[in-house]
Amino acid sequence: MLEMTREQFEELVSQALDRIPPELTRLMDNVAVFVEDEPEPGDPDLLGLYEGTPLTDRGEWYAGVLPDRITIYRGPTLRMCETQEDVVAETEITVVHEIAHHFGIDDERLHALGYG
C-alpha cells in the first residue's frame, strides 16, 4: 500500500476541488467536503460518499438544513492505487463523482462518462 499522510491526501482533494470549473462551483450550494481515513466497516472499498439532497431534488421546503456532506476516503484510495500519479487521478475522479451526485447525476450516467 502506498504511504501518504492525511495532510498530503487532503491537499490532493483540495487541488481536485480547485480544478472544478468556477461556473460549476458557483452553483454548488450548502455542501461541505471532508476527508476521512476509512469508510464504515460494511463498505471497506468505498472511495467517496455523497450524503444529502441533490440540487435537482430541492424545493421550497429546502431551508435551514444542515449542509450536504461529501466524504473522500484516504485508505481505500491508497490501497487501490499503485503510484502517486494513480492517487492523484483517482482522487480527482472521486471528487468529481461525488460533486456530480450533488448536481443530481446518478451512478449509471457517471459510469458512462468515465467517472465510475
PDB file of N, CA and C in Angstrom:
ATOM      1  N   MET A   1       0.839  -1.180   0.000  1.00  0.00           N
ATOM      2  CA  MET A   1       0.000   0.000   0.000  1.00  0.00           C
ATOM      3  C   MET A   1       0.884   1.243   0.000  1.00  0.00           C
ATOM      4  N   LEU A   2       0.492   2.221  -0.783  1.00  0.00           N
ATOM      5  CA  LEU A   2       1.211   3.489  -0.812  1.00  0.00           C
ATOM      6  C   LEU A   2       1.085   4.209   0.521  1.00  0.00           C
ATOM      7  N   GLU A   3       2.093   4.978   0.855  1.00  0.00           N
ATOM      8  CA  GLU A   3       2.053   5.793   2.061  1.00  0.00           C
ATOM      9  C   GLU A   3       1.816   7.249   1.667  1.00  0.00           C
ATOM     10  N   MET A   4       0.915   7.890   2.363  1.00  0.00           N
ATOM     11  CA  MET A   4       0.640   9.305   2.141  1.00  0.00           C
ATOM     12  C   MET A   4      -0.015   9.826   3.410  1.00  0.00           C
ATOM     13  N   THR A   5       0.506  10.911   3.939  1.00  0.00           N
ATOM     14  CA  THR A   5      -0.089  11.451   5.154  1.00  0.00           C
ATOM     15  C   THR A   5      -1.484  11.986   4.869  1.00  0.00           C
ATOM     16  N   ARG A   6      -2.227  12.140   5.917  1.00  0.00           N
ATOM     17  CA  ARG A   6      -3.570  12.702   5.760  1.00  0.00           C
ATOM     18  C   ARG A   6      -3.484  14.111   5.184  1.00  0.00           C
ATOM     19  N   GLU A   7      -2.508  14.878   5.625  1.00  0.00           N
ATOM     20  CA  GLU A   7      -2.343  16.238   5.117  1.00  0.00           C
ATOM     21  C   GLU A   7      -2.054  16.247   3.617  1.00  0.00           C
ATOM     22  N   GLN A   8      -1.210  15.338   3.158  1.00  0.00           N
ATOM     23  CA  GLN A   8      -0.910  15.242   1.726  1.00  0.00           C
ATOM     24  C   GLN A   8      -2.162  14.865   0.939  1.00  0.00           C
ATOM     25  N   PHE A   9      -2.944  13.925   1.477  1.00  0.00           N
ATOM     26  CA  PHE A   9      -4.156  13.497   0.794  1.00  0.00           C
ATOM     27  C   PHE A   9      -5.189  14.630   0.785  1.00  0.00           C
ATOM     28  N   GLU A  10      -5.311  15.341   1.887  1.00  0.00           N
ATOM     29  CA  GLU A  10      -6.230  16.477   1.938  1.00  0.00           C
ATOM     30  C   GLU A  10      -5.848  17.522   0.894  1.00  0.00           C
ATOM     31  N   GLU A  11      -4.556  17.703   0.679  1.00  0.00           N
ATOM     32  CA  GLU A  11      -4.098  18.650  -0.341  1.00  0.00           C
ATOM     33  C   GLU A  11      -4.504  18.179  -1.736  1.00  0.00           C
ATOM     34  N   LEU A  12      -4.435  16.880  -2.000  1.00  0.00           N
ATOM     35  CA  LEU A  12      -4.883  16.355  -3.296  1.00  0.00           C
ATOM     36  C   LEU A  12      -6.376  16.602  -3.496  1.00  0.00           C
ATOM     37  N   VAL A  13      -7.162  16.411  -2.453  1.00  0.00           N
ATOM     38  CA  VAL A  13      -8.599  16.677  -2.538  1.00  0.00           C
ATOM     39  C   VAL A  13      -8.828  18.160  -2.806  1.00  0.00           C
ATOM     40  N   SER A  14      -8.099  19.009  -2.123  1.00  0.00           N
ATOM     41  CA  SER A  14      -8.214  20.456  -2.338  1.00  0.00           C
ATOM     42  C   SER A  14      -7.850  20.834  -3.769  1.00  0.00           C
ATOM     43  N   GLN A  15      -6.792  20.240  -4.289  1.00  0.00           N
ATOM     44  CA  GLN A  15      -6.389  20.513  -5.668  1.00  0.00           C
ATOM     45  C   GLN A  15      -7.457  20.035  -6.663  1.00  0.00           C
ATOM     46  N   ALA A  16      -8.052  18.887  -6.381  1.00  0.00           N
ATOM     47  CA  ALA A  16      -9.116  18.381  -7.254  1.00  0.00           C
ATOM     48  C   ALA A  16     -10.307  19.341  -7.230  1.00  0.00           C
ATOM     49  N   LEU A  17     -10.640  19.856  -6.066  1.00  0.00           N
ATOM     50  CA  LEU A  17     -11.732  20.838  -5.965  1.00  0.00           C
ATOM     51  C   LEU A  17     -11.395  22.111  -6.734  1.00  0.00           C
ATOM     52  N   ASP A  18     -10.140  22.527  -6.686  1.00  0.00           N
ATOM     53  CA  ASP A  18      -9.718  23.732  -7.402  1.00  0.00           C
ATOM     54  C   ASP A  18      -9.827  23.576  -8.914  1.00  0.00           C
ATOM     55  N   ARG A  19      -9.785  22.335  -9.405  1.00  0.00           N
ATOM     56  CA  ARG A  19      -9.875  22.089 -10.845  1.00  0.00           C
ATOM     57  C   ARG A  19     -11.314  22.032 -11.354  1.00  0.00           C
ATOM     58  N   ILE A  20     -12.280  22.066 -10.449  1.00  0.00           N
ATOM     59  CA  ILE A  20     -13.679  22.113 -10.872  1.00  0.00           C
ATOM     60  C   ILE A  20     -13.917  23.488 -11.491  1.00  0.00           C
ATOM     61  N   PRO A  21     -14.505  23.563 -12.662  1.00  0.00           N
ATOM     62  CA  PRO A  21     -14.726  24.869 -13.302  1.00  0.00           C
ATOM     63  C   PRO A  21     -15.536  25.810 -12.410  1.00  0.00           C
ATOM     64  N   PRO A  22     -15.130  27.087 -12.359  1.00  0.00           N
ATOM     65  CA  PRO A  22     -15.813  28.063 -11.493  1.00  0.00           C
ATOM     66  C   PRO A  22     -17.309  28.175 -11.775  1.00  0.00           C
ATOM     67  N   GLU A  23     -17.705  27.996 -13.030  1.00  0.00           N
ATOM     68  CA  GLU A  23     -19.133  28.092 -13.335  1.00  0.00           C
ATOM     69  C   GLU A  23     -19.926  26.978 -12.657  1.00  0.00           C
ATOM     70  N   LEU A  24     -19.275  25.867 -12.324  1.00  0.00           N
ATOM     71  CA  LEU A  24     -19.946  24.798 -11.573  1.00  0.00           C
ATOM     72  C   LEU A  24     -19.859  25.030 -10.072  1.00  0.00           C
ATOM     73  N   THR A  25     -18.694  25.444  -9.588  1.00  0.00           N
ATOM     74  CA  THR A  25     -18.570  25.654  -8.146  1.00  0.00           C
ATOM     75  C   THR A  25     -19.494  26.771  -7.666  1.00  0.00           C
ATOM     76  N   ARG A  26     -19.777  27.740  -8.525  1.00  0.00           N
ATOM     77  CA  ARG A  26     -20.716  28.806  -8.141  1.00  0.00           C
ATOM     78  C   ARG A  26     -22.120  28.261  -7.930  1.00  0.00           C
ATOM     79  N   LEU A  27     -22.440  27.149  -8.598  1.00  0.00           N
ATOM     80  CA  LEU A  27     -23.769  26.555  -8.479  1.00  0.00           C
ATOM     81  C   LEU A  27     -23.899  25.631  -7.273  1.00  0.00           C
ATOM     82  N   MET A  28     -22.781  25.191  -6.722  1.00  0.00           N
ATOM     83  CA  MET A  28     -22.826  24.310  -5.559  1.00  0.00           C
ATOM     84  C   MET A  28     -23.405  25.093  -4.388  1.00  0.00           C
ATOM     85  N   ASP A  29     -24.292  24.435  -3.644  1.00  0.00           N
ATOM     86  CA  ASP A  29     -24.983  25.144  -2.573  1.00  0.00           C
ATOM     87  C   ASP A  29     -25.135  24.247  -1.352  1.00  0.00           C
ATOM     88  N   ASN A  30     -24.692  24.754  -0.216  1.00  0.00           N
ATOM     89  CA  ASN A  30     -24.885  24.088   1.062  1.00  0.00           C
ATOM     90  C   ASN A  30     -24.289  22.685   1.057  1.00  0.00           C
ATOM     91  N   VAL A  31     -23.013  22.609   0.712  1.00  0.00           N
ATOM     92  CA  VAL A  31     -22.308  21.325   0.687  1.00  0.00           C
ATOM     93  C   VAL A  31     -20.912  21.522   1.267  1.00  0.00           C
ATOM     94  N   ALA A  32     -20.463  20.549   2.048  1.00  0.00           N
ATOM     95  CA  ALA A  32     -19.132  20.580   2.651  1.00  0.00           C
ATOM     96  C   ALA A  32     -18.389  19.306   2.257  1.00  0.00           C
ATOM     97  N   VAL A  33     -17.075  19.423   2.074  1.00  0.00           N
ATOM     98  CA  VAL A  33     -16.243  18.295   1.667  1.00  0.00           C
ATOM     99  C   VAL A  33     -15.300  17.946   2.817  1.00  0.00           C
ATOM    100  N   PHE A  34     -15.236  16.654   3.130  1.00  0.00           N
ATOM    101  CA  PHE A  34     -14.412  16.163   4.222  1.00  0.00           C
ATOM    102  C   PHE A  34     -13.523  15.036   3.725  1.00  0.00           C
ATOM    103  N   VAL A  35     -12.421  14.818   4.424  1.00  0.00           N
ATOM    104  CA  VAL A  35     -11.550  13.669   4.195  1.00  0.00           C
ATOM    105  C   VAL A  35     -11.587  12.823   5.456  1.00  0.00           C
ATOM    106  N   GLU A  36     -11.805  11.535   5.279  1.00  0.00           N
ATOM    107  CA  GLU A  36     -11.758  10.579   6.387  1.00  0.00           C
ATOM    108  C   GLU A  36     -10.786   9.473   6.000  1.00  0.00           C
ATOM    109  N   ASP A  37     -10.243   8.803   7.003  1.00  0.00           N
ATOM    110  CA  ASP A  37      -9.301   7.731   6.713  1.00  0.00           C
ATOM    111  C   ASP A  37      -9.987   6.501   6.143  1.00  0.00           C
ATOM    112  N   GLU A  38     -11.109   6.080   6.735  1.00  0.00           N
ATOM    113  CA  GLU A  38     -11.766   4.846   6.321  1.00  0.00           C
ATOM    114  C   GLU A  38     -13.281   5.017   6.311  1.00  0.00           C
ATOM    115  N   PRO A  39     -13.952   4.315   5.386  1.00  0.00           N
ATOM    116  CA  PRO A  39     -15.415   4.294   5.400  1.00  0.00           C
ATOM    117  C   PRO A  39     -15.922   3.351   6.491  1.00  0.00           C
ATOM    118  N   GLU A  40     -17.227   3.234   6.597  1.00  0.00           N
ATOM    119  CA  GLU A  40     -17.832   2.297   7.547  1.00  0.00           C
ATOM    120  C   GLU A  40     -17.349   0.878   7.244  1.00  0.00           C
ATOM    121  N   PRO A  41     -17.241   0.022   8.259  1.00  0.00           N
ATOM    122  CA  PRO A  41     -16.732  -1.341   8.059  1.00  0.00           C
ATOM    123  C   PRO A  41     -17.480  -2.154   7.005  1.00  0.00           C
ATOM    124  N   GLY A  42     -18.744  -1.880   6.780  1.00  0.00           N
ATOM    125  CA  GLY A  42     -19.515  -2.648   5.821  1.00  0.00           C
ATOM    126  C   GLY A  42     -19.163  -2.392   4.370  1.00  0.00           C
ATOM    127  N   ASP A  43     -18.387  -1.337   4.092  1.00  0.00           N
ATOM    128  CA  ASP A  43     -18.041  -0.999   2.714  1.00  0.00           C
ATOM    129  C   ASP A  43     -16.581  -0.523   2.656  1.00  0.00           C
ATOM    130  N   PRO A  44     -15.626  -1.435   2.914  1.00  0.00           N
ATOM    131  CA  PRO A  44     -14.222  -1.033   3.061  1.00  0.00           C
ATOM    132  C   PRO A  44     -13.554  -0.504   1.796  1.00  0.00           C
ATOM    133  N   ASP A  45     -14.169  -0.710   0.622  1.00  0.00           N
ATOM    134  CA  ASP A  45     -13.569  -0.247  -0.627  1.00  0.00           C
ATOM    135  C   ASP A  45     -14.172   1.058  -1.137  1.00  0.00           C
ATOM    136  N   LEU A  46     -15.051   1.662  -0.350  1.00  0.00           N
ATOM    137  CA  LEU A  46     -15.719   2.899  -0.758  1.00  0.00           C
ATOM    138  C   LEU A  46     -14.711   4.042  -0.829  1.00  0.00           C
ATOM    139  N   LEU A  47     -14.645   4.711  -1.971  1.00  0.00           N
ATOM    140  CA  LEU A  47     -13.689   5.810  -2.167  1.00  0.00           C
ATOM    141  C   LEU A  47     -14.273   7.155  -1.766  1.00  0.00           C
ATOM    142  N   GLY A  48     -15.573   7.324  -1.959  1.00  0.00           N
ATOM    143  CA  GLY A  48     -16.210   8.592  -1.633  1.00  0.00           C
ATOM    144  C   GLY A  48     -17.689   8.378  -1.382  1.00  0.00           C
ATOM    145  N   LEU A  49     -18.302   9.352  -0.709  1.00  0.00           N
ATOM    146  CA  LEU A  49     -19.718   9.242  -0.368  1.00  0.00           C
ATOM    147  C   LEU A  49     -20.354  10.627  -0.381  1.00  0.00           C
ATOM    148  N   TYR A  50     -21.505  10.716  -1.039  1.00  0.00           N
ATOM    149  CA  TYR A  50     -22.317  11.938  -1.006  1.00  0.00           C
ATOM    150  C   TYR A  50     -23.529  11.660  -0.134  1.00  0.00           C
ATOM    151  N   GLU A  51     -23.762  12.519   0.838  1.00  0.00           N
ATOM    152  CA  GLU A  51     -24.923  12.415   1.708  1.00  0.00           C
ATOM    153  C   GLU A  51     -25.639  13.757   1.700  1.00  0.00           C
ATOM    154  N   GLY A  52     -26.878  13.740   1.282  1.00  0.00           N
ATOM    155  CA  GLY A  52     -27.627  14.984   1.267  1.00  0.00           C
ATOM    156  C   GLY A  52     -28.750  14.955   0.264  1.00  0.00           C
ATOM    157  N   THR A  53     -29.216  16.133  -0.079  1.00  0.00           N
ATOM    158  CA  THR A  53     -30.304  16.296  -1.045  1.00  0.00           C
ATOM    159  C   THR A  53     -29.739  16.947  -2.298  1.00  0.00           C
ATOM    160  N   PRO A  54     -29.709  16.225  -3.420  1.00  0.00           N
ATOM    161  CA  PRO A  54     -29.182  16.802  -4.657  1.00  0.00           C
ATOM    162  C   PRO A  54     -29.919  18.094  -5.025  1.00  0.00           C
ATOM    163  N   LEU A  55     -29.218  18.967  -5.701  1.00  0.00           N
ATOM    164  CA  LEU A  55     -29.816  20.234  -6.124  1.00  0.00           C
ATOM    165  C   LEU A  55     -31.093  20.021  -6.912  1.00  0.00           C
ATOM    166  N   THR A  56     -31.143  18.956  -7.705  1.00  0.00           N
ATOM    167  CA  THR A  56     -32.311  18.684  -8.545  1.00  0.00           C
ATOM    168  C   THR A  56     -33.532  18.247  -7.744  1.00  0.00           C
ATOM    169  N   ASP A  57     -33.351  17.851  -6.483  1.00  0.00           N
ATOM    170  CA  ASP A  57     -34.462  17.393  -5.647  1.00  0.00           C
ATOM    171  C   ASP A  57     -34.912  18.435  -4.624  1.00  0.00           C
ATOM    172  N   ARG A  58     -34.256  19.555  -4.597  1.00  0.00           N
ATOM    173  CA  ARG A  58     -34.599  20.574  -3.606  1.00  0.00           C
ATOM    174  C   ARG A  58     -35.792  21.396  -4.084  1.00  0.00           C
ATOM    175  N   GLY A  59     -36.648  21.694  -3.156  1.00  0.00           N
ATOM    176  CA  GLY A  59     -37.818  22.504  -3.473  1.00  0.00           C
ATOM    177  C   GLY A  59     -37.981  23.613  -2.452  1.00  0.00           C
ATOM    178  N   GLU A  60     -39.176  24.135  -2.381  1.00  0.00           N
ATOM    179  CA  GLU A  60     -39.462  25.229  -1.455  1.00  0.00           C
ATOM    180  C   GLU A  60     -39.224  24.824  -0.009  1.00  0.00           C
ATOM    181  N   TRP A  61     -39.367  23.548   0.284  1.00  0.00           N
ATOM    182  CA  TRP A  61     -39.197  23.045   1.639  1.00  0.00           C
ATOM    183  C   TRP A  61     -37.734  23.092   2.101  1.00  0.00           C
ATOM    184  N   TYR A  62     -36.806  23.240   1.161  1.00  0.00           N
ATOM    185  CA  TYR A  62     -35.386  23.148   1.487  1.00  0.00           C
ATOM    186  C   TYR A  62     -34.891  24.465   2.074  1.00  0.00           C
ATOM    187  N   ALA A  63     -34.872  24.530   3.382  1.00  0.00           N
ATOM    188  CA  ALA A  63     -34.367  25.726   4.075  1.00  0.00           C
ATOM    189  C   ALA A  63     -33.950  25.319   5.480  1.00  0.00           C
ATOM    190  N   GLY A  64     -32.892  25.897   5.947  1.00  0.00           N
ATOM    191  CA  GLY A  64     -32.446  25.661   7.312  1.00  0.00           C
ATOM    192  C   GLY A  64     -31.940  24.261   7.586  1.00  0.00           C
ATOM    193  N   VAL A  65     -31.500  23.555   6.545  1.00  0.00           N
ATOM    194  CA  VAL A  65     -30.996  22.192   6.739  1.00  0.00           C
ATOM    195  C   VAL A  65     -29.478  22.204   6.848  1.00  0.00           C
ATOM    196  N   LEU A  66     -28.955  21.172   7.469  1.00  0.00           N
ATOM    197  CA  LEU A  66     -27.500  21.042   7.551  1.00  0.00           C
ATOM    198  C   LEU A  66     -26.929  20.863   6.150  1.00  0.00           C
ATOM    199  N   PRO A  67     -25.678  21.245   5.951  1.00  0.00           N
ATOM    200  CA  PRO A  67     -25.069  21.085   4.624  1.00  0.00           C
ATOM    201  C   PRO A  67     -25.007  19.621   4.192  1.00  0.00           C
ATOM    202  N   ASP A  68     -25.104  19.412   2.879  1.00  0.00           N
ATOM    203  CA  ASP A  68     -24.808  18.105   2.317  1.00  0.00           C
ATOM    204  C   ASP A  68     -23.352  17.800   2.661  1.00  0.00           C
ATOM    205  N   ARG A  69     -23.025  16.518   2.639  1.00  0.00           N
ATOM    206  CA  ARG A  69     -21.679  16.120   3.032  1.00  0.00           C
ATOM    207  C   ARG A  69     -21.087  15.231   1.944  1.00  0.00           C
ATOM    208  N   ILE A  70     -19.913  15.614   1.479  1.00  0.00           N
ATOM    209  CA  ILE A  70     -19.121  14.768   0.581  1.00  0.00           C
ATOM    210  C   ILE A  70     -17.909  14.315   1.387  1.00  0.00           C
ATOM    211  N   THR A  71     -17.705  13.007   1.445  1.00  0.00           N
ATOM    212  CA  THR A  71     -16.553  12.467   2.162  1.00  0.00           C
ATOM    213  C   THR A  71     -15.695  11.684   1.177  1.00  0.00           C
ATOM    214  N   ILE A  72     -14.404  11.968   1.200  1.00  0.00           N
ATOM    215  CA  ILE A  72     -13.427  11.260   0.370  1.00  0.00           C
ATOM    216  C   ILE A  72     -12.571  10.426   1.330  1.00  0.00           C
ATOM    217  N   TYR A  73     -12.424   9.134   1.033  1.00  0.00           N
ATOM    218  CA  TYR A  73     -11.743   8.214   1.940  1.00  0.00           C
ATOM    219  C   TYR A  73     -10.316   7.920   1.474  1.00  0.00           C
ATOM    220  N   ARG A  74      -9.373   8.183   2.360  1.00  0.00           N
ATOM    221  CA  ARG A  74      -7.957   8.034   2.056  1.00  0.00           C
ATOM    222  C   ARG A  74      -7.522   6.569   1.951  1.00  0.00           C
ATOM    223  N   GLY A  75      -7.871   5.746   2.935  1.00  0.00           N
ATOM    224  CA  GLY A  75      -7.393   4.362   2.985  1.00  0.00           C
ATOM    225  C   GLY A  75      -7.705   3.555   1.737  1.00  0.00           C
ATOM    226  N   PRO A  76      -8.974   3.468   1.335  1.00  0.00           N
ATOM    227  CA  PRO A  76      -9.289   2.675   0.144  1.00  0.00           C
ATOM    228  C   PRO A  76      -8.607   3.203  -1.120  1.00  0.00           C
ATOM    229  N   THR A  77      -8.472   4.519  -1.220  1.00  0.00           N
ATOM    230  CA  THR A  77      -7.815   5.101  -2.392  1.00  0.00           C
ATOM    231  C   THR A  77      -6.354   4.669  -2.438  1.00  0.00           C
ATOM    232  N   LEU A  78      -5.665   4.753  -1.308  1.00  0.00           N
ATOM    233  CA  LEU A  78      -4.254   4.365  -1.278  1.00  0.00           C
ATOM    234  C   LEU A  78      -4.076   2.867  -1.521  1.00  0.00           C
ATOM    235  N   ARG A  79      -5.009   2.057  -1.033  1.00  0.00           N
ATOM    236  CA  ARG A  79      -4.903   0.602  -1.234  1.00  0.00           C
ATOM    237  C   ARG A  79      -5.107   0.197  -2.688  1.00  0.00           C
ATOM    238  N   MET A  80      -5.937   0.940  -3.425  1.00  0.00           N
ATOM    239  CA  MET A  80      -6.226   0.532  -4.809  1.00  0.00           C
ATOM    240  C   MET A  80      -5.218   1.082  -5.809  1.00  0.00           C
ATOM    241  N   CYS A  81      -4.441   2.079  -5.433  1.00  0.00           N
ATOM    242  CA  CYS A  81      -3.520   2.735  -6.366  1.00  0.00           C
ATOM    243  C   CYS A  81      -2.108   2.179  -6.224  1.00  0.00           C
ATOM    244  N   GLU A  82      -1.404   2.136  -7.349  1.00  0.00           N
ATOM    245  CA  GLU A  82      -0.039   1.621  -7.354  1.00  0.00           C
ATOM    246  C   GLU A  82       1.018   2.717  -7.323  1.00  0.00           C
ATOM    247  N   THR A  83       0.673   3.916  -7.816  1.00  0.00           N
ATOM    248  CA  THR A  83       1.641   5.018  -7.871  1.00  0.00           C
ATOM    249  C   THR A  83       1.002   6.298  -7.335  1.00  0.00           C
ATOM    250  N   GLN A  84       1.850   7.268  -7.052  1.00  0.00           N
ATOM    251  CA  GLN A  84       1.358   8.582  -6.621  1.00  0.00           C
ATOM    252  C   GLN A  84       0.475   9.197  -7.701  1.00  0.00           C
ATOM    253  N   GLU A  85       0.864   9.002  -8.965  1.00  0.00           N
ATOM    254  CA  GLU A  85       0.074   9.534 -10.075  1.00  0.00           C
ATOM    255  C   GLU A  85      -1.321   8.915 -10.103  1.00  0.00           C
ATOM    256  N   ASP A  86      -1.389   7.610  -9.783  1.00  0.00           N
ATOM    257  CA  ASP A  86      -2.690   6.945  -9.696  1.00  0.00           C
ATOM    258  C   ASP A  86      -3.552   7.570  -8.606  1.00  0.00           C
ATOM    259  N   VAL A  87      -2.943   7.897  -7.478  1.00  0.00           N
ATOM    260  CA  VAL A  87      -3.680   8.505  -6.364  1.00  0.00           C
ATOM    261  C   VAL A  87      -4.235   9.866  -6.789  1.00  0.00           C
ATOM    262  N   VAL A  88      -3.416  10.658  -7.463  1.00  0.00           N
ATOM    263  CA  VAL A  88      -3.867  11.970  -7.937  1.00  0.00           C
ATOM    264  C   VAL A  88      -5.064  11.801  -8.873  1.00  0.00           C
ATOM    265  N   ALA A  89      -4.948  10.900  -9.845  1.00  0.00           N
ATOM    266  CA  ALA A  89      -6.024  10.696 -10.825  1.00  0.00           C
ATOM    267  C   ALA A  89      -7.285  10.157 -10.155  1.00  0.00           C
ATOM    268  N   GLU A  90      -7.136   9.170  -9.282  1.00  0.00           N
ATOM    269  CA  GLU A  90      -8.305   8.562  -8.634  1.00  0.00           C
ATOM    270  C   GLU A  90      -8.989   9.547  -7.690  1.00  0.00           C
ATOM    271  N   THR A  91      -8.210  10.358  -7.017  1.00  0.00           N
ATOM    272  CA  THR A  91      -8.794  11.367  -6.127  1.00  0.00           C
ATOM    273  C   THR A  91      -9.616  12.361  -6.928  1.00  0.00           C
ATOM    274  N   GLU A  92      -9.097  12.792  -8.060  1.00  0.00           N
ATOM    275  CA  GLU A  92      -9.840  13.733  -8.893  1.00  0.00           C
ATOM    276  C   GLU A  92     -11.136  13.100  -9.414  1.00  0.00           C
ATOM    277  N   ILE A  93     -11.066  11.865  -9.856  1.00  0.00           N
ATOM    278  CA  ILE A  93     -12.266  11.172 -10.341  1.00  0.00           C
ATOM    279  C   ILE A  93     -13.298  11.053  -9.221  1.00  0.00           C
ATOM    280  N   THR A  94     -12.844  10.702  -8.021  1.00  0.00           N
ATOM    281  CA  THR A  94     -13.766  10.531  -6.894  1.00  0.00           C
ATOM    282  C   THR A  94     -14.409  11.851  -6.502  1.00  0.00           C
ATOM    283  N   VAL A  95     -13.629  12.920  -6.460  1.00  0.00           N
ATOM    284  CA  VAL A  95     -14.185  14.236  -6.112  1.00  0.00           C
ATOM    285  C   VAL A  95     -15.238  14.642  -7.143  1.00  0.00           C
ATOM    286  N   VAL A  96     -14.924  14.510  -8.415  1.00  0.00           N
ATOM    287  CA  VAL A  96     -15.882  14.863  -9.470  1.00  0.00           C
ATOM    288  C   VAL A  96     -17.134  13.991  -9.356  1.00  0.00           C
ATOM    289  N   HIS A  97     -16.950  12.707  -9.107  1.00  0.00           N
ATOM    290  CA  HIS A  97     -18.061  11.767  -8.982  1.00  0.00           C
ATOM    291  C   HIS A  97     -19.020  12.212  -7.873  1.00  0.00           C
ATOM    292  N   GLU A  98     -18.484  12.544  -6.712  1.00  0.00           N
ATOM    293  CA  GLU A  98     -19.345  12.916  -5.580  1.00  0.00           C
ATOM    294  C   GLU A  98     -19.993  14.287  -5.800  1.00  0.00           C
ATOM    295  N   ILE A  99     -19.285  15.211  -6.401  1.00  0.00           N
ATOM    296  CA  ILE A  99     -19.890  16.514  -6.715  1.00  0.00           C
ATOM    297  C   ILE A  99     -21.012  16.334  -7.732  1.00  0.00           C
ATOM    298  N   ALA A 100     -20.825  15.416  -8.668  1.00  0.00           N
ATOM    299  CA  ALA A 100     -21.876  15.151  -9.649  1.00  0.00           C
ATOM    300  C   ALA A 100     -23.149  14.666  -8.958  1.00  0.00           C
ATOM    301  N   HIS A 101     -23.010  13.863  -7.919  1.00  0.00           N
ATOM    302  CA  HIS A 101     -24.193  13.447  -7.157  1.00  0.00           C
ATOM    303  C   HIS A 101     -24.896  14.664  -6.546  1.00  0.00           C
ATOM    304  N   HIS A 102     -24.138  15.646  -6.101  1.00  0.00           N
ATOM    305  CA  HIS A 102     -24.717  16.884  -5.571  1.00  0.00           C
ATOM    306  C   HIS A 102     -25.573  17.576  -6.638  1.00  0.00           C
ATOM    307  N   PHE A 103     -25.161  17.439  -7.892  1.00  0.00           N
ATOM    308  CA  PHE A 103     -25.909  18.026  -9.008  1.00  0.00           C
ATOM    309  C   PHE A 103     -27.016  17.099  -9.522  1.00  0.00           C
ATOM    310  N   GLY A 104     -27.182  15.937  -8.887  1.00  0.00           N
ATOM    311  CA  GLY A 104     -28.271  15.042  -9.262  1.00  0.00           C
ATOM    312  C   GLY A 104     -27.942  14.033 -10.337  1.00  0.00           C
ATOM    313  N   ILE A 105     -26.670  13.844 -10.651  1.00  0.00           N
ATOM    314  CA  ILE A 105     -26.255  12.880 -11.672  1.00  0.00           C
ATOM    315  C   ILE A 105     -26.065  11.524 -11.004  1.00  0.00           C
ATOM    316  N   ASP A 106     -26.695  10.482 -11.559  1.00  0.00           N
ATOM    317  CA  ASP A 106     -26.646   9.162 -10.929  1.00  0.00           C
ATOM    318  C   ASP A 106     -25.419   8.361 -11.387  1.00  0.00           C
ATOM    319  N   ASP A 107     -25.201   7.237 -10.694  1.00  0.00           N
ATOM    320  CA  ASP A 107     -24.029   6.397 -10.966  1.00  0.00           C
ATOM    321  C   ASP A 107     -23.993   5.878 -12.399  1.00  0.00           C
ATOM    322  N   GLU A 108     -25.132   5.505 -12.935  1.00  0.00           N
ATOM    323  CA  GLU A 108     -25.163   4.979 -14.300  1.00  0.00           C
ATOM    324  C   GLU A 108     -24.604   6.000 -15.292  1.00  0.00           C
ATOM    325  N   ARG A 109     -25.046   7.230 -15.185  1.00  0.00           N
ATOM    326  CA  ARG A 109     -24.569   8.289 -16.081  1.00  0.00           C
ATOM    327  C   ARG A 109     -23.085   8.585 -15.834  1.00  0.00           C
ATOM    328  N   LEU A 110     -22.681   8.590 -14.579  1.00  0.00           N
ATOM    329  CA  LEU A 110     -21.265   8.833 -14.238  1.00  0.00           C
ATOM    330  C   LEU A 110     -20.369   7.759 -14.828  1.00  0.00           C
ATOM    331  N   HIS A 111     -20.796   6.505 -14.758  1.00  0.00           N
ATOM    332  CA  HIS A 111     -20.018   5.419 -15.342  1.00  0.00           C
ATOM    333  C   HIS A 111     -19.898   5.600 -16.853  1.00  0.00           C
ATOM    334  N   ALA A 112     -20.985   6.013 -17.486  1.00  0.00           N
ATOM    335  CA  ALA A 112     -20.963   6.241 -18.928  1.00  0.00           C
ATOM    336  C   ALA A 112     -19.996   7.374 -19.295  1.00  0.00           C
ATOM    337  N   LEU A 113     -19.850   8.339 -18.403  1.00  0.00           N
ATOM    338  CA  LEU A 113     -18.951   9.465 -18.642  1.00  0.00           C
ATOM    339  C   LEU A 113     -17.512   9.183 -18.233  1.00  0.00           C
ATOM    340  N   GLY A 114     -17.254   8.013 -17.646  1.00  0.00           N
ATOM    341  CA  GLY A 114     -15.899   7.653 -17.240  1.00  0.00           C
ATOM    342  C   GLY A 114     -15.554   8.067 -15.831  1.00  0.00           C
ATOM    343  N   TYR A 115     -16.546   8.397 -15.024  1.00  0.00           N
ATOM    344  CA  TYR A 115     -16.321   8.784 -13.632  1.00  0.00           C
ATOM    345  C   TYR A 115     -16.923   7.768 -12.678  1.00  0.00           C
ATOM    346  N   GLY A 116     -16.869   6.505 -13.054  1.00  0.00           N
ATOM    347  CA  GLY A 116     -17.491   5.454 -12.254  1.00  0.00           C
ATOM    348  C   GLY A 116     -16.587   4.845 -11.240  1.00  0.00           C
TER     349      GLY A 116
END
